[in-house]
Amino acid sequence: MRIKLVAGVVAGFVLVAAACGDDGESADTTSVAASPVTTAGEPTPATSAPSTGEPCVPLDGGPQAIVSLSPTATEMVFAIGAGDLVVAVDSLSTYPPETAEVVTDLSAFEPNVEAIAGYEPDLVLSDGTNPDLLTQLDTLGIARWEGPAAMSFSDIYDQLRQLGEATGCTDGAERVVAEMEAEILEILAATRATDTSFLVYHELDPTYFSVTSDTFIGYVYNQLGLRNVADLAEGDGGPYPQLNAEFIVSSDPEMIFLADTKCCGETAESVAARPGWSEISAVVNDAVVELDDDIASRWGPRVVDLMAVVADEVAALAERTAG
């Protein structure tokens, strides 16, 4: 992940989950390192949080017009107080509500460099998964920042701080990081105080694509002490394997988390109606949880909201099944 500035620009900056949220942003990545700034190809050192932070003072000589092609990056930028710098976002960047005040017609799946350049950005945010677009931005001399999918909480904090440095909103970034750290530690402490080793199935879509512990959402479940059905599947399905119904039923997950409620209309009732699923422990014990697709597929400040929902459901199931 890096900020790249091309000569002439001011110095200063997989599958799966398909159409649900930040889904073009693959979680198959390594830990995020501190991001360098590159000017004309030469590297130099880079000099539940609220949805929108207090506006910060723009960085002198820094970006004044940001285009975000990453819903996660969009949420981060607004949270740290740099939302006033955003002039356009991709069509999936629908949070926070303030995104409605900027242009949201850029394609999330097939970004067009001419359309992007039309907004005269001096910084474009992306997840880095479209190398052709990045090359085109370089050719046009448009600065860019890439934030690949996080693999840990530390990765999230690193990206927030990088965006803070790039926009001049360092105080806002540190505030968001501090609030997230405190809230996450509180959630983890409360959850780990009880036995939470339930077996869970996380559903990305009705064709049974799921996530292993090698993804960020899998990491979250692991941090909460949960076990993952997808980790038990045989074969090389990668971090986003497509399971089959028979395997899921036979695994008998104690909790089911649906991340396909908005994209695909799945509910606890529709899951219970699937052939053979009514006897799964999660269904029997009323532990089929309907998540917000967007929150469940992004790793910005709202990961705290996701963890709170999961932790509450875990605690409720533990209470129902105690003894």
C-alpha atoms as a PDB file:
ATOM      1  CA  MET A   1       0.000   0.000   0.000  1.00  0.00           C
ATOM      2  CA  ARG A   2       1.415   3.358  -0.907  1.00  0.00           C
ATOM      3  CA  ILE A   3       0.747   6.912  -1.828  1.00  0.00           C
ATOM      4  CA  LYS A   4       2.214   7.671  -5.229  1.00  0.00           C
ATOM      5  CA  LEU A   5       2.838  11.187  -6.455  1.00  0.00           C
ATOM      6  CA  VAL A   6       3.872  11.634 -10.073  1.00  0.00           C
ATOM      7  CA  ALA A   7       6.118  14.478 -11.255  1.00  0.00           C
ATOM      8  CA  GLY A   8       4.189  17.694 -11.583  1.00  0.00           C
ATOM      9  CA  VAL A   9       1.785  16.829  -8.801  1.00  0.00           C
ATOM     10  CA  VAL A  10       2.141  18.510  -5.405  1.00  0.00           C
ATOM     11  CA  ALA A  11       4.053  16.403  -2.901  1.00  0.00           C
ATOM     12  CA  GLY A  12       2.405  15.570   0.248  1.00  0.00           C
ATOM     13  CA  PHE A  13       0.275  11.524  -1.182  1.00  0.00           C
ATOM     14  CA  VAL A  14     -12.013 -12.029  -4.802  1.00  0.00           C
ATOM     15  CA  LEU A  15     -13.706 -12.620  -5.594  1.00  0.00           C
ATOM     16  CA  VAL A  16     -16.655 -13.162  -3.446  1.00  0.00           C
ATOM     17  CA  ALA A  17     -18.788 -10.834  -1.518  1.00  0.00           C
ATOM     18  CA  ALA A  18     -19.630  -9.693  -5.053  1.00  0.00           C
ATOM     19  CA  ALA A  19     -22.190  -6.912  -5.146  1.00  0.00           C
ATOM     20  CA  CYS A  20     -22.569  -6.573  -1.395  1.00  0.00           C
ATOM     21  CA  GLY A  21     -20.659  -3.599  -0.023  1.00  0.00           C
ATOM     22  CA  ASP A  22     -16.901  -3.299  -0.424  1.00  0.00           C
ATOM     23  CA  ASP A  23     -16.703  -6.544  -2.243  1.00  0.00           C
ATOM     24  CA  GLY A  24     -14.167  -5.735  -4.896  1.00  0.00           C
ATOM     25  CA  GLU A  25     -11.644  -5.365  -2.113  1.00  0.00           C
ATOM     26  CA  SER A  26     -10.046  -8.751  -1.612  1.00  0.00           C
ATOM     27  CA  ALA A  27      -8.913  -9.692   1.856  1.00  0.00           C
ATOM     28  CA  ASP A  28      -6.129 -11.859   0.464  1.00  0.00           C
ATOM     29  CA  THR A  29      -3.275  -9.560   1.404  1.00  0.00           C
ATOM     30  CA  THR A  30      -0.406  -9.291   3.820  1.00  0.00           C
ATOM     31  CA  SER A  31      -0.277  -7.005   6.827  1.00  0.00           C
ATOM     32  CA  VAL A  32      -0.269  -3.338   5.949  1.00  0.00           C
ATOM     33  CA  ALA A  33       3.055  -1.612   6.358  1.00  0.00           C
ATOM     34  CA  ALA A  34       3.672   2.096   6.833  1.00  0.00           C
ATOM     35  CA  SER A  35       2.996   3.811   3.519  1.00  0.00           C
ATOM     36  CA  PRO A  36       5.806   5.697   1.776  1.00  0.00           C
ATOM     37  CA  VAL A  37       5.273   8.746  -0.397  1.00  0.00           C
ATOM     38  CA  THR A  38       6.665   8.561  -3.900  1.00  0.00           C
ATOM     39  CA  THR A  39       7.464  11.674  -5.915  1.00  0.00           C
ATOM     40  CA  ALA A  40       8.494  11.210  -9.521  1.00  0.00           C
ATOM     41  CA  GLY A  41       9.290   7.612  -8.723  1.00  0.00           C
ATOM     42  CA  GLU A  42      11.665   8.338  -5.838  1.00  0.00           C
ATOM     43  CA  PRO A  43      10.540   7.105  -2.385  1.00  0.00           C
ATOM     44  CA  THR A  44      10.829   9.403   0.604  1.00  0.00           C
ATOM     45  CA  PRO A  45       9.587   8.917   4.181  1.00  0.00           C
ATOM     46  CA  ALA A  46       5.967   9.875   4.693  1.00  0.00           C
ATOM     47  CA  THR A  47       6.189  12.994   6.585  1.00  0.00           C
ATOM     48  CA  SER A  48     -17.331   3.035  16.728  1.00  0.00           C
ATOM     49  CA  ALA A  49     -15.908   5.902  15.884  1.00  0.00           C
ATOM     50  CA  PRO A  50     -18.270   8.661  14.727  1.00  0.00           C
ATOM     51  CA  SER A  51     -19.222   8.502  11.053  1.00  0.00           C
ATOM     52  CA  THR A  52     -18.024  12.049  10.435  1.00  0.00           C
ATOM     53  CA  GLY A  53     -15.319  13.765  12.433  1.00  0.00           C
ATOM     54  CA  GLU A  54     -14.855  17.483  13.003  1.00  0.00           C
ATOM     55  CA  PRO A  55     -13.433  19.014   9.800  1.00  0.00           C
ATOM     56  CA  CYS A  56      -9.682  19.431  10.003  1.00  0.00           C
ATOM     57  CA  VAL A  57      -7.456  22.066   8.453  1.00  0.00           C
ATOM     58  CA  PRO A  58      -6.352  20.788   5.024  1.00  0.00           C
ATOM     59  CA  LEU A  59      -2.670  19.993   4.707  1.00  0.00           C
ATOM     60  CA  ASP A  60      -0.719  22.896   3.239  1.00  0.00           C
ATOM     61  CA  GLY A  61       0.176  21.765  -0.258  1.00  0.00           C
ATOM     62  CA  GLY A  62      -1.847  18.609   0.232  1.00  0.00           C
ATOM     63  CA  PRO A  63      -4.910  17.295  -1.600  1.00  0.00           C
ATOM     64  CA  GLN A  64      -7.882  19.602  -1.996  1.00  0.00           C
ATOM     65  CA  ALA A  65     -10.065  17.348  -4.174  1.00  0.00           C
ATOM     66  CA  ILE A  66     -10.306  13.632  -3.324  1.00  0.00           C
ATOM     67  CA  VAL A  67     -12.048  10.943  -5.342  1.00  0.00           C
ATOM     68  CA  SER A  68     -12.648   7.706  -3.435  1.00  0.00           C
ATOM     69  CA  LEU A  69     -13.189   4.427  -5.258  1.00  0.00           C
ATOM     70  CA  SER A  70     -13.184   2.395  -2.038  1.00  0.00           C
ATOM     71  CA  PRO A  71     -16.197   2.382   0.309  1.00  0.00           C
ATOM     72  CA  THR A  72     -13.899   1.563   3.221  1.00  0.00           C
ATOM     73  CA  ALA A  73     -11.564   4.452   2.408  1.00  0.00           C
ATOM     74  CA  THR A  74     -14.576   6.728   2.029  1.00  0.00           C
ATOM     75  CA  GLU A  75     -15.755   5.862   5.536  1.00  0.00           C
ATOM     76  CA  MET A  76     -12.257   6.389   6.912  1.00  0.00           C
ATOM     77  CA  VAL A  77     -11.766   9.779   5.286  1.00  0.00           C
ATOM     78  CA  PHE A  78     -15.054  11.119   6.595  1.00  0.00           C
ATOM     79  CA  ALA A  79     -14.438   9.687  10.054  1.00  0.00           C
ATOM     80  CA  ILE A  80     -11.088  11.444  10.460  1.00  0.00           C
ATOM     81  CA  GLY A  81     -12.547  14.798   9.409  1.00  0.00           C
ATOM     82  CA  ALA A  82     -11.412  15.010   5.776  1.00  0.00           C
ATOM     83  CA  GLY A  83     -14.868  14.586   4.269  1.00  0.00           C
ATOM     84  CA  ASP A  84     -14.961  18.178   3.028  1.00  0.00           C
ATOM     85  CA  LEU A  85     -12.128  17.311   0.650  1.00  0.00           C
ATOM     86  CA  VAL A  86     -14.115  14.557  -1.081  1.00  0.00           C
ATOM     87  CA  VAL A  87     -15.594  15.615  -4.427  1.00  0.00           C
ATOM     88  CA  ALA A  88     -16.739  12.225  -5.771  1.00  0.00           C
ATOM     89  CA  VAL A  89     -17.042   8.596  -4.680  1.00  0.00           C
ATOM     90  CA  ASP A  90     -17.869   5.269  -6.254  1.00  0.00           C
ATOM     91  CA  SER A  91     -21.433   3.970  -6.394  1.00  0.00           C
ATOM     92  CA  LEU A  92     -20.947   1.668  -3.372  1.00  0.00           C
ATOM     93  CA  SER A  93     -19.768   4.476  -1.095  1.00  0.00           C
ATOM     94  CA  THR A  94     -23.110   5.179   0.546  1.00  0.00           C
ATOM     95  CA  TYR A  95     -21.870   5.778   4.101  1.00  0.00           C
ATOM     96  CA  PRO A  96     -21.735   8.087   5.939  1.00  0.00           C
ATOM     97  CA  PRO A  97     -24.935   9.929   4.927  1.00  0.00           C
ATOM     98  CA  GLU A  98     -22.798  12.930   3.952  1.00  0.00           C
ATOM     99  CA  THR A  99     -21.708  11.024   0.836  1.00  0.00           C
ATOM    100  CA  ALA A 100     -25.094  12.008  -0.607  1.00  0.00           C
ATOM    101  CA  GLU A 101     -23.727  15.549  -0.862  1.00  0.00           C
ATOM    102  CA  VAL A 102     -21.040  14.534  -3.354  1.00  0.00           C
ATOM    103  CA  VAL A 103     -21.151  12.803  -6.724  1.00  0.00           C
ATOM    104  CA  THR A 104     -21.690   9.055  -6.362  1.00  0.00           C
ATOM    105  CA  ASP A 105     -22.002   7.923  -9.989  1.00  0.00           C
ATOM    106  CA  LEU A 106     -18.528   6.451 -10.524  1.00  0.00           C
ATOM    107  CA  SER A 107     -18.591   2.745 -11.281  1.00  0.00           C
ATOM    108  CA  ALA A 108     -17.454   0.577  -8.395  1.00  0.00           C
ATOM    109  CA  PHE A 109     -16.663  -2.363 -10.664  1.00  0.00           C
ATOM    110  CA  GLU A 110     -15.380  -0.775 -13.879  1.00  0.00           C
ATOM    111  CA  PRO A 111     -13.853   2.580 -12.905  1.00  0.00           C
ATOM    112  CA  ASN A 112     -13.334   4.883 -15.876  1.00  0.00           C
ATOM    113  CA  VAL A 113     -10.214   7.030 -15.673  1.00  0.00           C
ATOM    114  CA  GLU A 114     -11.702   9.737 -17.904  1.00  0.00           C
ATOM    115  CA  ALA A 115     -14.738  10.037 -15.640  1.00  0.00           C
ATOM    116  CA  ILE A 116     -12.485  10.177 -12.596  1.00  0.00           C
ATOM    117  CA  ALA A 117     -10.195  12.795 -14.152  1.00  0.00           C
ATOM    118  CA  GLY A 118     -13.255  14.888 -14.968  1.00  0.00           C
ATOM    119  CA  TYR A 119     -13.532  15.784 -11.288  1.00  0.00           C
ATOM    120  CA  GLU A 120      -9.957  17.143 -11.342  1.00  0.00           C
ATOM    121  CA  PRO A 121      -8.831  15.197  -8.265  1.00  0.00           C
ATOM    122  CA  ASP A 122      -5.411  15.648  -6.768  1.00  0.00           C
ATOM    123  CA  LEU A 123      -5.761  12.370  -4.867  1.00  0.00           C
ATOM    124  CA  VAL A 124      -7.600   9.146  -5.732  1.00  0.00           C
ATOM    125  CA  LEU A 125      -8.245   6.495  -3.080  1.00  0.00           C
ATOM    126  CA  SER A 126      -8.598   2.855  -4.065  1.00  0.00           C
ATOM    127  CA  ASP A 127      -8.083  -0.668  -2.782  1.00  0.00           C
ATOM    128  CA  GLY A 128      -5.277  -1.246  -5.284  1.00  0.00           C
ATOM    129  CA  THR A 129      -6.947  -4.195  -7.006  1.00  0.00           C
ATOM    130  CA  ASN A 130      -7.166  -2.522 -10.431  1.00  0.00           C
ATOM    131  CA  PRO A 131      -3.578  -2.187 -11.705  1.00  0.00           C
ATOM    132  CA  ASP A 132      -4.674  -0.879 -15.121  1.00  0.00           C
ATOM    133  CA  LEU A 133      -6.478   2.020 -13.496  1.00  0.00           C
ATOM    134  CA  LEU A 134      -3.482   2.790 -11.296  1.00  0.00           C
ATOM    135  CA  THR A 135      -1.239   2.901 -14.364  1.00  0.00           C
ATOM    136  CA  GLN A 136      -3.670   5.253 -16.101  1.00  0.00           C
ATOM    137  CA  LEU A 137      -3.743   7.548 -13.088  1.00  0.00           C
ATOM    138  CA  ASP A 138       0.049   7.627 -13.090  1.00  0.00           C
ATOM    139  CA  THR A 139       0.047   8.507 -16.777  1.00  0.00           C
ATOM    140  CA  LEU A 140      -2.275  11.431 -16.091  1.00  0.00           C
ATOM    141  CA  GLY A 141      -0.178  12.574 -13.157  1.00  0.00           C
ATOM    142  CA  ILE A 142      -2.937  12.027 -10.582  1.00  0.00           C
ATOM    143  CA  ALA A 143      -1.770  11.112  -7.097  1.00  0.00           C
ATOM    144  CA  ARG A 144      -3.165   7.891  -5.644  1.00  0.00           C
ATOM    145  CA  TRP A 145      -3.387   5.963  -2.380  1.00  0.00           C
ATOM    146  CA  GLU A 146      -4.075   2.244  -2.120  1.00  0.00           C
ATOM    147  CA  GLY A 147      -5.542   0.583   0.940  1.00  0.00           C
ATOM    148  CA  PRO A 148      -5.862  -3.189   0.463  1.00  0.00           C
ATOM    149  CA  ALA A 149      -8.172  -5.158   2.694  1.00  0.00           C
ATOM    150  CA  ALA A 150      -7.012  -5.335   6.279  1.00  0.00           C
ATOM    151  CA  MET A 151      -5.984  -8.572   7.935  1.00  0.00           C
ATOM    152  CA  SER A 152      -5.906  -7.266  11.492  1.00  0.00           C
ATOM    153  CA  PHE A 153      -6.971  -4.330  13.640  1.00  0.00           C
ATOM    154  CA  SER A 154      -3.449  -2.944  13.330  1.00  0.00           C
ATOM    155  CA  ASP A 155      -3.889  -2.781   9.571  1.00  0.00           C
ATOM    156  CA  ILE A 156      -6.995  -0.635  10.030  1.00  0.00           C
ATOM    157  CA  TYR A 157      -5.173   1.729  12.367  1.00  0.00           C
ATOM    158  CA  ASP A 158      -2.263   1.990   9.918  1.00  0.00           C
ATOM    159  CA  GLN A 159      -4.577   2.957   7.070  1.00  0.00           C
ATOM    160  CA  LEU A 160      -6.383   5.556   9.169  1.00  0.00           C
ATOM    161  CA  ARG A 161      -3.064   7.119  10.146  1.00  0.00           C
ATOM    162  CA  GLN A 162      -1.819   7.096   6.553  1.00  0.00           C
ATOM    163  CA  LEU A 163      -4.944   8.923   5.406  1.00  0.00           C
ATOM    164  CA  GLY A 164      -4.499  11.326   8.302  1.00  0.00           C
ATOM    165  CA  GLU A 165      -0.951  12.096   7.187  1.00  0.00           C
ATOM    166  CA  ALA A 166      -2.036  12.474   3.563  1.00  0.00           C
ATOM    167  CA  THR A 167      -4.858  14.917   4.330  1.00  0.00           C
ATOM    168  CA  GLY A 168      -3.536  16.775   7.341  1.00  0.00           C
ATOM    169  CA  CYS A 169      -6.133  15.162   9.607  1.00  0.00           C
ATOM    170  CA  THR A 170      -3.610  13.443  11.864  1.00  0.00           C
ATOM    171  CA  ASP A 171      -5.430  14.435  15.051  1.00  0.00           C
ATOM    172  CA  GLY A 172      -8.696  13.095  13.676  1.00  0.00           C
ATOM    173  CA  ALA A 173      -7.048   9.845  12.663  1.00  0.00           C
ATOM    174  CA  GLU A 174      -5.503   9.390  16.099  1.00  0.00           C
ATOM    175  CA  ARG A 175      -8.855  10.121  17.735  1.00  0.00           C
ATOM    176  CA  VAL A 176     -10.610   7.481  15.635  1.00  0.00           C
ATOM    177  CA  VAL A 177      -7.852   4.936  16.286  1.00  0.00           C
ATOM    178  CA  ALA A 178      -7.954   5.564  20.028  1.00  0.00           C
ATOM    179  CA  GLU A 179     -11.736   5.235  20.172  1.00  0.00           C
ATOM    180  CA  MET A 180     -11.698   2.057  18.091  1.00  0.00           C
ATOM    181  CA  GLU A 181      -8.944   0.499  20.187  1.00  0.00           C
ATOM    182  CA  ALA A 182     -10.764   1.227  23.426  1.00  0.00           C
ATOM    183  CA  GLU A 183     -14.110  -0.069  22.208  1.00  0.00           C
ATOM    184  CA  ILE A 184     -12.639  -3.204  20.642  1.00  0.00           C
ATOM    185  CA  LEU A 185     -10.687  -4.021  23.795  1.00  0.00           C
ATOM    186  CA  GLU A 186     -13.853  -3.587  25.845  1.00  0.00           C
ATOM    187  CA  ILE A 187     -15.824  -5.909  23.554  1.00  0.00           C
ATOM    188  CA  LEU A 188     -13.079  -8.532  23.561  1.00  0.00           C
ATOM    189  CA  ALA A 189     -12.693  -8.424  27.338  1.00  0.00           C
ATOM    190  CA  ALA A 190     -16.410  -8.939  27.875  1.00  0.00           C
ATOM    191  CA  THR A 191     -16.659 -11.722  25.308  1.00  0.00           C
ATOM    192  CA  ARG A 192     -13.597 -13.626  26.466  1.00  0.00           C
ATOM    193  CA  ALA A 193     -14.965 -13.699  29.998  1.00  0.00           C
ATOM    194  CA  THR A 194     -17.366 -16.445  28.901  1.00  0.00           C
ATOM    195  CA  ASP A 195     -17.119 -19.583  26.771  1.00  0.00           C
ATOM    196  CA  THR A 196     -17.627 -18.328  23.217  1.00  0.00           C
ATOM    197  CA  SER A 197     -16.166 -21.211  21.241  1.00  0.00           C
ATOM    198  CA  PHE A 198     -19.275 -21.630  19.109  1.00  0.00           C
ATOM    199  CA  LEU A 199     -18.947 -23.017  15.596  1.00  0.00           C
ATOM    200  CA  VAL A 200     -20.068 -20.364  13.100  1.00  0.00           C
ATOM    201  CA  TYR A 201     -20.956 -20.217   9.425  1.00  0.00           C
ATOM    202  CA  HIS A 202     -20.602 -16.836   7.699  1.00  0.00           C
ATOM    203  CA  GLU A 203     -22.605 -16.567   4.484  1.00  0.00           C
ATOM    204  CA  LEU A 204     -21.607 -14.160   1.734  1.00  0.00           C
ATOM    205  CA  ASP A 205     -24.352 -15.141  -0.674  1.00  0.00           C
ATOM    206  CA  PRO A 206     -27.075 -17.793  -1.091  1.00  0.00           C
ATOM    207  CA  THR A 207     -24.725 -20.016  -3.123  1.00  0.00           C
ATOM    208  CA  TYR A 208     -22.768 -20.657   0.097  1.00  0.00           C
ATOM    209  CA  PHE A 209     -19.626 -18.656  -0.504  1.00  0.00           C
ATOM    210  CA  SER A 210     -18.067 -18.143   2.889  1.00  0.00           C
ATOM    211  CA  VAL A 211     -14.878 -16.909   4.576  1.00  0.00           C
ATOM    212  CA  THR A 212     -12.053 -18.697   6.336  1.00  0.00           C
ATOM    213  CA  SER A 213      -9.927 -17.378   9.168  1.00  0.00           C
ATOM    214  CA  ASP A 214      -7.509 -16.101   6.501  1.00  0.00           C
ATOM    215  CA  THR A 215      -9.836 -13.143   5.841  1.00  0.00           C
ATOM    216  CA  PHE A 216     -10.484 -10.085   7.944  1.00  0.00           C
ATOM    217  CA  ILE A 217     -13.993 -11.178   8.964  1.00  0.00           C
ATOM    218  CA  GLY A 218     -12.565 -14.582   9.837  1.00  0.00           C
ATOM    219  CA  TYR A 219      -9.951 -12.823  11.937  1.00  0.00           C
ATOM    220  CA  VAL A 220     -12.732 -10.978  13.786  1.00  0.00           C
ATOM    221  CA  TYR A 221     -14.529 -14.226  14.589  1.00  0.00           C
ATOM    222  CA  ASN A 222     -11.255 -15.744  15.737  1.00  0.00           C
ATOM    223  CA  GLN A 223     -10.561 -12.790  18.026  1.00  0.00           C
ATOM    224  CA  LEU A 224     -13.965 -13.333  19.615  1.00  0.00           C
ATOM    225  CA  GLY A 225     -13.111 -16.964  20.311  1.00  0.00           C
ATOM    226  CA  LEU A 226     -15.396 -18.433  17.668  1.00  0.00           C
ATOM    227  CA  ARG A 227     -14.622 -21.396  15.419  1.00  0.00           C
ATOM    228  CA  ASN A 228     -15.239 -21.251  11.682  1.00  0.00           C
ATOM    229  CA  VAL A 229     -17.025 -23.904   9.607  1.00  0.00           C
ATOM    230  CA  ALA A 230     -15.145 -22.836   6.474  1.00  0.00           C
ATOM    231  CA  ASP A 231     -11.833 -23.719   8.121  1.00  0.00           C
ATOM    232  CA  LEU A 232     -13.008 -27.336   8.271  1.00  0.00           C
ATOM    233  CA  ALA A 233     -13.765 -27.634   4.566  1.00  0.00           C
ATOM    234  CA  GLU A 234     -11.495 -29.855   2.503  1.00  0.00           C
ATOM    235  CA  GLY A 235      -9.930 -28.712  -0.742  1.00  0.00           C
ATOM    236  CA  ASP A 236      -8.233 -25.513  -1.793  1.00  0.00           C
ATOM    237  CA  GLY A 237     -11.074 -23.040  -1.882  1.00  0.00           C
ATOM    238  CA  GLY A 238      -8.854 -20.177  -0.848  1.00  0.00           C
ATOM    239  CA  PRO A 239      -9.928 -17.633   1.753  1.00  0.00           C
ATOM    240  CA  TYR A 240     -13.399 -17.415   0.181  1.00  0.00           C
ATOM    241  CA  PRO A 241     -14.474 -21.035  -0.405  1.00  0.00           C
ATOM    242  CA  GLN A 242     -17.797 -22.015  -1.875  1.00  0.00           C
ATOM    243  CA  LEU A 243     -19.200 -24.595   0.490  1.00  0.00           C
ATOM    244  CA  ASN A 244     -22.068 -26.952  -0.242  1.00  0.00           C
ATOM    245  CA  ALA A 245     -25.299 -27.255   1.663  1.00  0.00           C
ATOM    246  CA  GLU A 246     -24.647 -30.817   2.746  1.00  0.00           C
ATOM    247  CA  PHE A 247     -21.317 -29.891   4.294  1.00  0.00           C
ATOM    248  CA  ILE A 248     -22.826 -26.963   6.176  1.00  0.00           C
ATOM    249  CA  VAL A 249     -25.708 -29.042   7.480  1.00  0.00           C
ATOM    250  CA  SER A 250     -23.440 -31.887   8.541  1.00  0.00           C
ATOM    251  CA  SER A 251     -21.079 -29.453  10.273  1.00  0.00           C
ATOM    252  CA  ASP A 252     -24.043 -28.263  12.352  1.00  0.00           C
ATOM    253  CA  PRO A 253     -22.919 -24.675  13.037  1.00  0.00           C
ATOM    254  CA  GLU A 254     -24.141 -23.236  16.303  1.00  0.00           C
ATOM    255  CA  MET A 255     -24.360 -19.743  14.837  1.00  0.00           C
ATOM    256  CA  ILE A 256     -25.028 -18.482  11.312  1.00  0.00           C
ATOM    257  CA  PHE A 257     -24.163 -14.931  10.270  1.00  0.00           C
ATOM    258  CA  LEU A 258     -25.852 -13.693   7.108  1.00  0.00           C
ATOM    259  CA  ALA A 259     -23.948 -11.053   5.135  1.00  0.00           C
ATOM    260  CA  ASP A 260     -26.385 -11.347   2.224  1.00  0.00           C
ATOM    261  CA  THR A 261     -29.458  -9.668   3.660  1.00  0.00           C
ATOM    262  CA  LYS A 262     -29.271  -6.504   1.543  1.00  0.00           C
ATOM    263  CA  CYS A 263     -27.857  -7.912  -1.660  1.00  0.00           C
ATOM    264  CA  CYS A 264     -29.918 -11.067  -1.747  1.00  0.00           C
ATOM    265  CA  GLY A 265     -32.778 -10.742   0.726  1.00  0.00           C
ATOM    266  CA  GLU A 266     -31.711 -13.640   2.951  1.00  0.00           C
ATOM    267  CA  THR A 267     -33.288 -13.827   6.410  1.00  0.00           C
ATOM    268  CA  ALA A 268     -33.398 -16.180   9.360  1.00  0.00           C
ATOM    269  CA  GLU A 269     -36.729 -17.405   8.015  1.00  0.00           C
ATOM    270  CA  SER A 270     -35.400 -18.120   4.527  1.00  0.00           C
ATOM    271  CA  VAL A 271     -32.468 -20.029   6.019  1.00  0.00           C
ATOM    272  CA  ALA A 272     -34.767 -22.160   8.175  1.00  0.00           C
ATOM    273  CA  ALA A 273     -36.823 -22.968   5.085  1.00  0.00           C
ATOM    274  CA  ARG A 274     -33.894 -24.457   3.186  1.00  0.00           C
ATOM    275  CA  PRO A 275     -34.103 -28.253   2.822  1.00  0.00           C
ATOM    276  CA  GLY A 276     -32.489 -29.894   5.850  1.00  0.00           C
ATOM    277  CA  TRP A 277     -31.517 -26.631   7.549  1.00  0.00           C
ATOM    278  CA  SER A 278     -34.321 -26.530  10.104  1.00  0.00           C
ATOM    279  CA  GLU A 279     -32.448 -29.009  12.329  1.00  0.00           C
ATOM    280  CA  ILE A 280     -29.161 -27.094  12.352  1.00  0.00           C
ATOM    281  CA  SER A 281     -28.303 -25.981  15.882  1.00  0.00           C
ATOM    282  CA  ALA A 282     -28.127 -22.329  14.833  1.00  0.00           C
ATOM    283  CA  VAL A 283     -31.696 -22.491  13.557  1.00  0.00           C
ATOM    284  CA  VAL A 284     -33.004 -24.502  16.493  1.00  0.00           C
ATOM    285  CA  ASN A 285     -31.423 -22.113  19.007  1.00  0.00           C
ATOM    286  CA  ASP A 286     -32.523 -18.955  17.180  1.00  0.00           C
ATOM    287  CA  ALA A 287     -28.919 -18.018  16.406  1.00  0.00           C
ATOM    288  CA  VAL A 288     -29.221 -17.032  12.744  1.00  0.00           C
ATOM    289  CA  VAL A 289     -28.030 -13.426  12.727  1.00  0.00           C
ATOM    290  CA  GLU A 290     -28.960 -10.986   9.969  1.00  0.00           C
ATOM    291  CA  LEU A 291     -26.009  -8.643   9.446  1.00  0.00           C
ATOM    292  CA  ASP A 292     -25.768  -5.424   7.479  1.00  0.00           C
ATOM    293  CA  ASP A 293     -23.919  -6.502   4.322  1.00  0.00           C
ATOM    294  CA  ASP A 294     -21.907  -3.297   4.096  1.00  0.00           C
ATOM    295  CA  ILE A 295     -20.715  -3.301   7.701  1.00  0.00           C
ATOM    296  CA  ALA A 296     -19.813  -6.978   7.402  1.00  0.00           C
ATOM    297  CA  SER A 297     -17.679  -6.459   4.289  1.00  0.00           C
ATOM    298  CA  ARG A 298     -15.662  -3.372   5.254  1.00  0.00           C
ATOM    299  CA  TRP A 299     -12.893  -2.809   7.748  1.00  0.00           C
ATOM    300  CA  GLY A 300     -13.235   0.871   8.572  1.00  0.00           C
ATOM    301  CA  PRO A 301     -14.455   2.453  11.809  1.00  0.00           C
ATOM    302  CA  ARG A 302     -17.742   0.524  11.679  1.00  0.00           C
ATOM    303  CA  VAL A 303     -15.951  -2.749  12.403  1.00  0.00           C
ATOM    304  CA  VAL A 304     -16.673  -1.806  16.011  1.00  0.00           C
ATOM    305  CA  ASP A 305     -20.397  -1.965  15.210  1.00  0.00           C
ATOM    306  CA  LEU A 306     -19.952  -5.382  13.610  1.00  0.00           C
ATOM    307  CA  MET A 307     -18.066  -6.715  16.609  1.00  0.00           C
ATOM    308  CA  ALA A 308     -20.680  -5.357  19.001  1.00  0.00           C
ATOM    309  CA  VAL A 309     -23.463  -7.135  17.111  1.00  0.00           C
ATOM    310  CA  VAL A 310     -21.560 -10.431  16.974  1.00  0.00           C
ATOM    311  CA  ALA A 311     -20.536 -10.192  20.642  1.00  0.00           C
ATOM    312  CA  ASP A 312     -24.104  -9.452  21.743  1.00  0.00           C
ATOM    313  CA  GLU A 313     -25.434 -12.422  19.785  1.00  0.00           C
ATOM    314  CA  VAL A 314     -22.727 -14.680  21.191  1.00  0.00           C
ATOM    315  CA  ALA A 315     -23.559 -13.599  24.734  1.00  0.00           C
ATOM    316  CA  ALA A 316     -27.269 -14.130  24.126  1.00  0.00           C
ATOM    317  CA  LEU A 317     -26.694 -17.650  22.786  1.00  0.00           C
ATOM    318  CA  ALA A 318     -24.382 -18.477  25.684  1.00  0.00           C
ATOM    319  CA  GLU A 319     -27.096 -17.427  28.107  1.00  0.00           C
ATOM    320  CA  ARG A 320     -29.806 -19.399  26.284  1.00  0.00           C
ATOM    321  CA  THR A 321     -27.739 -22.573  26.178  1.00  0.00           C
ATOM    322  CA  ALA A 322     -26.183 -22.335  29.646  1.00  0.00           C
ATOM    323  CA  GLY A 323     -26.607 -25.482  31.720  1.00  0.00           C
END
